[in-house]
């Protein structure tokens, strides 16, 4: 029935038919191998009971979001077994699972903090000789923080952004999102366009054959951890006490757009959310912010970093 062989066949199906990325496949592999290890089926135990026991074990130490993902992976695996006629019926039909959702607001930072980070990035760039090796690193850092807020892209999307998908003449980027879904974003802001022009000009002059936009000092694709380190370092140099991550730029943009009157459906398209429910979380963040302080968009957002409703196709 279910075995290491069938699990690996299912993972191949996910890779070649569903075209899932390596990061997702790795998570699927861990979850399914864990299921096989814990299940250890015996002839006298029905598969339904094996699954329920496994979920009960997961329920002890797993967060609701993690439990939800692990159950979804196992459920999808058994659906595949049924589709391939490896099993007669999907046991999940008779299994009732109720997982209490965690209510966690997306973490954001204030526009004042954003202003500090951007000003610091540009000040350091202006103070450096353009002929020095350090200049490229500073240009890279400035381009990253500008682009993260201007587009709200995920850190994985930023690292996987290819040169061929950047059209600065028309001010747009082709983003490869989760599940290999494409979306096109416009960079309406001239300051962001300018820093990207400068970065790409320097980047292309290096005659590096790497297809990705953002590279490290060795000329290889910039890793997600490197982006996290760059953002954390930039925040620290700006005197920001709060721990800042790349994903918080995404959350902060969404909340700022919502407070600026942009429709939730438009924000959904910009961020590439498959479900509107994911985007609607930001309405709760916005309400919490309004309870704390009356929202008054500072100059940097209302003038310098204004994002138009044409920020997506």
Protein backbone atom coordinates (compact mmCIF):
# COMPACT_ATOMS: atom_id res chain seq x y z
CA UNK A 1 0.00 0.00 0.00
CA UNK A 2 1.98 3.00 1.24
CA UNK A 3 5.73 2.56 1.26
CA UNK A 4 8.95 4.42 0.57
CA UNK A 5 8.55 3.45 -3.09
CA UNK A 6 5.06 4.93 -3.43
CA UNK A 7 6.11 8.07 -1.51
CA UNK A 8 9.04 8.64 -3.88
CA UNK A 9 6.76 8.05 -6.88
CA UNK A 10 4.34 10.63 -5.49
CA UNK A 11 7.20 13.12 -5.00
CA UNK A 12 8.22 12.57 -8.63
CA UNK A 13 4.59 13.22 -9.63
CA UNK A 14 4.66 16.49 -7.65
CA UNK A 15 7.93 17.51 -9.29
CA UNK A 16 7.14 16.72 -12.92
CA UNK A 17 3.34 16.94 -13.09
CA UNK A 18 2.48 19.52 -10.45
CA UNK A 19 5.80 21.34 -11.07
CA UNK A 20 6.38 22.12 -7.40
CA UNK A 21 9.66 23.84 -6.52
CA UNK A 22 12.52 22.21 -4.63
CA UNK A 23 11.70 23.98 -1.37
CA UNK A 24 8.13 22.65 -1.39
CA UNK A 25 9.27 19.17 -2.43
CA UNK A 26 11.73 19.10 0.46
CA UNK A 27 8.93 19.92 2.93
CA UNK A 28 6.69 17.22 1.35
CA UNK A 29 9.51 14.68 1.60
CA UNK A 30 10.13 15.41 5.29
CA UNK A 31 6.40 15.20 6.13
CA UNK A 32 5.82 11.94 4.23
CA UNK A 33 8.98 10.25 5.51
CA UNK A 34 7.89 11.21 9.02
CA UNK A 35 4.51 9.64 8.35
CA UNK A 36 6.13 6.39 7.15
CA UNK A 37 8.40 6.31 10.18
CA UNK A 38 5.58 6.84 12.66
CA UNK A 39 2.97 4.75 10.85
CA UNK A 40 4.82 1.41 10.71
CA UNK A 41 1.64 -0.34 9.54
CA UNK A 42 0.62 -3.77 10.83
CA UNK A 43 -1.83 -6.10 9.17
CA UNK A 44 -4.29 -5.94 12.06
CA UNK A 45 -4.45 -2.12 12.18
CA UNK A 46 -6.70 -0.38 9.61
CA UNK A 47 -5.02 2.41 7.62
CA UNK A 48 -7.63 4.87 8.92
CA UNK A 49 -6.48 4.20 12.48
CA UNK A 50 -2.81 4.48 11.48
CA UNK A 51 -3.45 7.95 10.02
CA UNK A 52 -5.45 9.08 13.05
CA UNK A 53 -2.71 7.91 15.42
CA UNK A 54 -0.10 9.77 13.40
CA UNK A 55 -2.14 12.98 13.43
CA UNK A 56 -2.67 12.61 17.19
CA UNK A 57 1.12 12.40 17.67
CA UNK A 58 1.63 15.48 15.51
CA UNK A 59 -1.03 17.35 17.47
CA UNK A 60 1.04 17.12 20.66
CA UNK A 61 4.03 19.19 19.54
CA UNK A 62 3.03 20.88 16.27
CA UNK A 63 1.68 24.39 15.79
CA UNK A 64 -1.72 24.61 14.09
CA UNK A 65 -0.19 25.93 10.86
CA UNK A 66 2.42 23.12 10.80
CA UNK A 67 -0.19 20.47 11.61
CA UNK A 68 -2.42 21.80 8.85
CA UNK A 69 0.39 21.55 6.30
CA UNK A 70 1.45 18.04 7.33
CA UNK A 71 -2.13 16.74 7.19
CA UNK A 72 -2.68 18.38 3.79
CA UNK A 73 0.45 16.66 2.41
CA UNK A 74 -0.62 13.22 3.68
CA UNK A 75 -4.14 13.79 2.40
CA UNK A 76 -2.82 14.72 -1.05
CA UNK A 77 -0.58 11.63 -1.02
CA UNK A 78 -3.52 9.29 -0.37
CA UNK A 79 -5.57 11.04 -3.04
CA UNK A 80 -2.71 10.22 -5.44
CA UNK A 81 -2.72 6.55 -4.31
CA UNK A 82 -6.45 6.38 -5.01
CA UNK A 83 -6.04 8.08 -8.40
CA UNK A 84 -3.32 5.59 -9.39
CA UNK A 85 -5.56 2.73 -8.12
CA UNK A 86 -2.90 1.66 -5.62
CA UNK A 87 -5.65 1.75 -2.99
CA UNK A 88 -9.37 1.12 -3.48
CA UNK A 89 -10.63 4.07 -1.46
CA UNK A 90 -9.16 7.15 0.16
CA UNK A 91 -9.26 6.62 3.98
CA UNK A 92 -9.52 10.38 4.53
CA UNK A 93 -13.16 10.19 3.43
CA UNK A 94 -13.95 8.70 6.85
CA UNK A 95 -11.54 10.84 8.86
CA UNK A 96 -12.78 14.05 10.47
CA UNK A 97 -10.07 16.54 11.41
CA UNK A 98 -10.68 19.87 13.09
CA UNK A 99 -7.66 22.09 13.57
CA UNK A 100 -8.04 25.29 15.56
CA UNK A 101 -6.49 28.09 13.53
CA UNK A 102 -3.86 30.27 15.20
CA UNK A 103 -4.70 33.93 15.09
CA UNK A 104 -1.42 35.68 14.41
CA UNK A 105 -1.21 39.15 12.99
CA UNK A 106 1.46 39.70 10.32
CA UNK A 107 4.53 41.44 11.76
CA UNK A 108 5.11 44.91 10.35
CA UNK A 109 7.23 47.96 11.10
CA UNK A 110 6.40 51.66 11.00
CA UNK A 111 6.94 53.83 7.95
CA UNK A 112 9.34 55.86 10.12
CA UNK A 113 11.54 52.77 10.46
CA UNK A 114 11.33 52.20 6.70
CA UNK A 115 12.48 55.78 6.17
CA UNK A 116 15.47 55.28 8.48
CA UNK A 117 16.52 52.09 6.66
CA UNK A 118 16.26 53.63 3.18
CA UNK A 119 18.04 56.84 4.16
CA UNK A 120 20.87 54.83 5.76
CA UNK A 121 21.22 52.66 2.64
CA UNK A 122 21.52 55.71 0.37
CA UNK A 123 23.80 57.68 2.69
CA UNK A 124 26.27 54.80 2.82
CA UNK A 125 26.14 54.52 -0.95
CA UNK A 126 26.80 58.25 -1.48
CA UNK A 127 29.76 58.17 0.91
CA UNK A 128 31.50 55.35 -1.00
CA UNK A 129 33.78 55.71 -4.04
CA UNK A 130 32.07 53.99 -7.00
CA UNK A 131 35.38 52.42 -8.01
CA UNK A 132 35.83 50.56 -4.72
CA UNK A 133 34.71 46.89 -4.42
CA UNK A 134 32.55 47.86 -1.42
CA UNK A 135 30.43 50.05 -3.70
CA UNK A 136 28.77 47.06 -5.39
CA UNK A 137 27.77 45.58 -2.01
CA UNK A 138 26.25 48.89 -0.91
CA UNK A 139 24.43 49.25 -4.24
CA UNK A 140 23.12 45.70 -3.86
CA UNK A 141 21.85 46.41 -0.33
CA UNK A 142 20.11 49.63 -1.39
CA UNK A 143 18.47 47.94 -4.39
CA UNK A 144 17.22 45.07 -2.21
CA UNK A 145 15.54 47.19 0.48
CA UNK A 146 14.01 49.51 -2.13
CA UNK A 147 12.65 46.62 -4.20
CA UNK A 148 11.32 44.66 -1.22
CA UNK A 149 9.03 47.51 -0.20
CA UNK A 150 8.19 48.74 -3.70
CA UNK A 151 6.94 45.32 -4.84
CA UNK A 152 6.18 43.35 -1.67
CA UNK A 153 7.83 40.31 -3.23
CA UNK A 154 8.81 37.29 -1.16
CA UNK A 155 12.51 36.82 -0.39
CA UNK A 156 12.51 33.63 -2.48
CA UNK A 157 11.03 35.58 -5.41
CA UNK A 158 13.68 38.26 -5.07
CA UNK A 159 16.52 35.71 -5.02
CA UNK A 160 15.10 33.88 -8.05
CA UNK A 161 14.43 37.03 -10.09
CA UNK A 162 16.12 36.61 -13.48
CA UNK A 163 17.69 39.38 -15.57
CA UNK A 164 15.55 38.42 -18.58
CA UNK A 165 12.41 39.10 -16.49
CA UNK A 166 13.38 42.68 -15.64
CA UNK A 167 12.12 45.38 -18.02
CA UNK A 168 13.16 48.71 -16.55
CA UNK A 169 12.29 50.61 -19.73
CA UNK A 170 8.63 49.84 -19.07
CA UNK A 171 9.14 49.63 -15.31
CA UNK A 172 7.97 46.07 -14.75
CA UNK A 173 9.16 42.72 -13.41
CA UNK A 174 7.96 39.19 -14.13
CA UNK A 175 7.83 37.35 -10.81
CA UNK A 176 7.84 33.57 -10.40
CA UNK A 177 5.73 32.98 -7.31
CA UNK A 178 4.66 29.96 -5.29
CA UNK A 179 3.66 26.93 -7.33
CA UNK A 180 5.43 28.41 -10.38
CA UNK A 181 2.66 31.02 -10.72
CA UNK A 182 3.70 34.11 -12.65
CA UNK A 183 2.66 37.66 -11.93
CA UNK A 184 3.85 40.94 -13.39
CA UNK A 185 4.53 43.90 -11.12
CA UNK A 186 5.08 47.53 -12.07
CA UNK A 187 7.68 49.72 -10.41
CA UNK A 188 5.87 53.04 -10.51
CA UNK A 189 8.37 54.89 -8.32
CA UNK A 190 11.22 56.72 -10.09
CA UNK A 191 13.59 56.40 -7.11
CA UNK A 192 13.25 52.60 -7.20
CA UNK A 193 13.67 52.53 -10.98
CA UNK A 194 16.82 54.67 -10.62
CA UNK A 195 18.51 52.44 -8.03
CA UNK A 196 17.66 49.34 -10.09
CA UNK A 197 19.15 50.97 -13.22
CA UNK A 198 22.33 51.75 -11.31
CA UNK A 199 22.56 48.30 -9.78
CA UNK A 200 21.92 46.45 -13.03
CA UNK A 201 24.38 48.69 -14.88
CA UNK A 202 27.10 47.75 -12.40
CA UNK A 203 25.94 44.12 -12.30
CA UNK A 204 26.06 43.66 -16.10
CA UNK A 205 29.43 45.38 -16.41
CA UNK A 206 30.93 42.55 -14.34
CA UNK A 207 30.37 40.11 -17.24
CA UNK A 208 28.97 37.55 -14.84
CA UNK A 209 27.12 34.73 -16.62
CA UNK A 210 24.74 34.04 -13.74
CA UNK A 211 21.12 34.49 -14.90
CA UNK A 212 19.86 35.89 -11.60
CA UNK A 213 19.66 39.60 -10.87
CA UNK A 214 21.08 39.52 -7.35
CA UNK A 215 24.48 37.91 -6.85
CA UNK A 216 27.00 37.73 -4.01
CA UNK A 217 30.65 38.78 -4.09
CA UNK A 218 31.61 35.35 -5.48
CA UNK A 219 29.28 35.90 -8.44
CA UNK A 220 26.71 33.28 -7.40
CA UNK A 221 22.97 33.70 -6.87
CA UNK A 222 22.29 35.53 -3.63
CA UNK A 223 20.82 33.18 -1.00
CA UNK A 224 17.71 33.92 1.05
CA UNK A 225 19.80 33.90 4.23
CA UNK A 226 22.14 36.51 2.71
CA UNK A 227 19.14 38.78 2.05
CA UNK A 228 17.99 38.33 5.65
CA UNK A 229 21.49 39.24 6.86
CA UNK A 230 21.61 42.32 4.60
CA UNK A 231 18.23 43.57 5.87
CA UNK A 232 19.09 42.92 9.52
CA UNK A 233 22.46 44.66 9.13
CA UNK A 234 20.90 47.66 7.38
CA UNK A 235 18.29 48.02 10.14
CA UNK A 236 20.98 47.81 12.81
CA UNK A 237 23.08 50.48 11.10
CA UNK A 238 19.99 52.68 10.90
CA UNK A 239 19.66 52.44 14.69
CA UNK A 240 16.46 50.36 14.54
CA UNK A 241 15.92 48.31 17.71
CA UNK A 242 13.16 46.11 16.24
CA UNK A 243 14.26 42.88 14.53
CA UNK A 244 13.52 43.44 10.82
CA UNK A 245 13.14 40.64 8.27
CA UNK A 246 12.61 40.77 4.47
CA UNK A 247 9.07 39.38 4.85
CA UNK A 248 8.12 42.31 7.08
CA UNK A 249 8.60 44.63 4.08
CA UNK A 250 5.87 42.63 2.34
CA UNK A 251 3.53 42.90 5.33
CA UNK A 252 4.27 46.59 5.80
CA UNK A 253 3.57 47.37 2.14
CA UNK A 254 0.25 45.51 2.24
CA UNK A 255 -0.87 47.35 5.38
CA UNK A 256 0.24 50.71 3.98
CA UNK A 257 -1.66 50.11 0.74
CA UNK A 258 -4.76 49.13 2.70
CA UNK A 259 -4.52 52.25 4.84
CA UNK A 260 -4.03 54.24 1.63
CA UNK A 261 -7.40 53.00 0.33
CA UNK A 262 -6.23 50.32 -2.12
CA UNK A 263 -8.79 47.53 -2.60
CA UNK A 264 -8.05 44.18 -0.93
CA UNK A 265 -8.41 42.35 -4.27
CA UNK A 266 -5.74 44.57 -5.82
CA UNK A 267 -3.40 43.91 -2.90
CA UNK A 268 -4.05 40.18 -3.38
CA UNK A 269 -2.84 40.44 -6.99
CA UNK A 270 0.23 42.47 -6.05
CA UNK A 271 1.29 39.98 -3.36
CA UNK A 272 0.34 36.90 -5.36
CA UNK A 273 -1.94 35.39 -2.71
CA UNK A 274 -3.99 32.45 -3.98
CA UNK A 275 -6.71 33.15 -1.41
CA UNK A 276 -8.29 36.48 -0.50
CA UNK A 277 -8.46 35.26 3.13
CA UNK A 278 -4.67 35.53 3.35
CA UNK A 279 -4.81 39.15 2.20
CA UNK A 280 -7.68 39.98 4.56
CA UNK A 281 -5.37 39.40 7.55
CA UNK A 282 -3.97 42.86 6.88
CA UNK A 283 -7.33 44.47 7.65
CA UNK A 284 -6.87 43.28 11.25
CA UNK A 285 -3.35 44.75 11.36
CA UNK A 286 -4.68 48.02 10.03
CA UNK A 287 -7.39 48.15 12.71
CA UNK A 288 -4.85 47.41 15.45
CA UNK A 289 -2.64 50.23 14.16
CA UNK A 290 -5.59 52.63 14.14
CA UNK A 291 -6.37 51.75 17.76
CA UNK A 292 -2.81 52.60 18.75
CA UNK A 293 -2.31 55.81 16.76
CA UNK A 294 -4.36 57.71 14.18
CA UNK A 295 -2.88 56.91 10.76
CA UNK A 296 -1.24 59.86 9.09
CA UNK A 297 0.85 58.88 6.05
CA UNK A 298 4.31 60.45 6.36
CA UNK A 299 6.01 62.21 3.47
CA UNK A 300 8.13 59.23 2.51
CA UNK A 301 5.05 57.12 1.72
CA UNK A 302 2.69 59.73 0.37
CA UNK A 303 5.27 61.34 -1.92
CA UNK A 304 8.51 59.40 -2.38
CA UNK A 305 7.27 55.79 -2.29
CA UNK A 306 3.76 56.20 -3.54
CA UNK A 307 2.55 52.96 -5.17
CA UNK A 308 -0.06 53.46 -7.84
CA UNK A 309 -2.98 51.17 -8.59
CA UNK A 310 -1.05 50.19 -11.73
CA UNK A 311 1.39 48.23 -9.61
CA UNK A 312 0.17 44.99 -11.15
CA UNK A 313 -1.24 43.55 -14.37
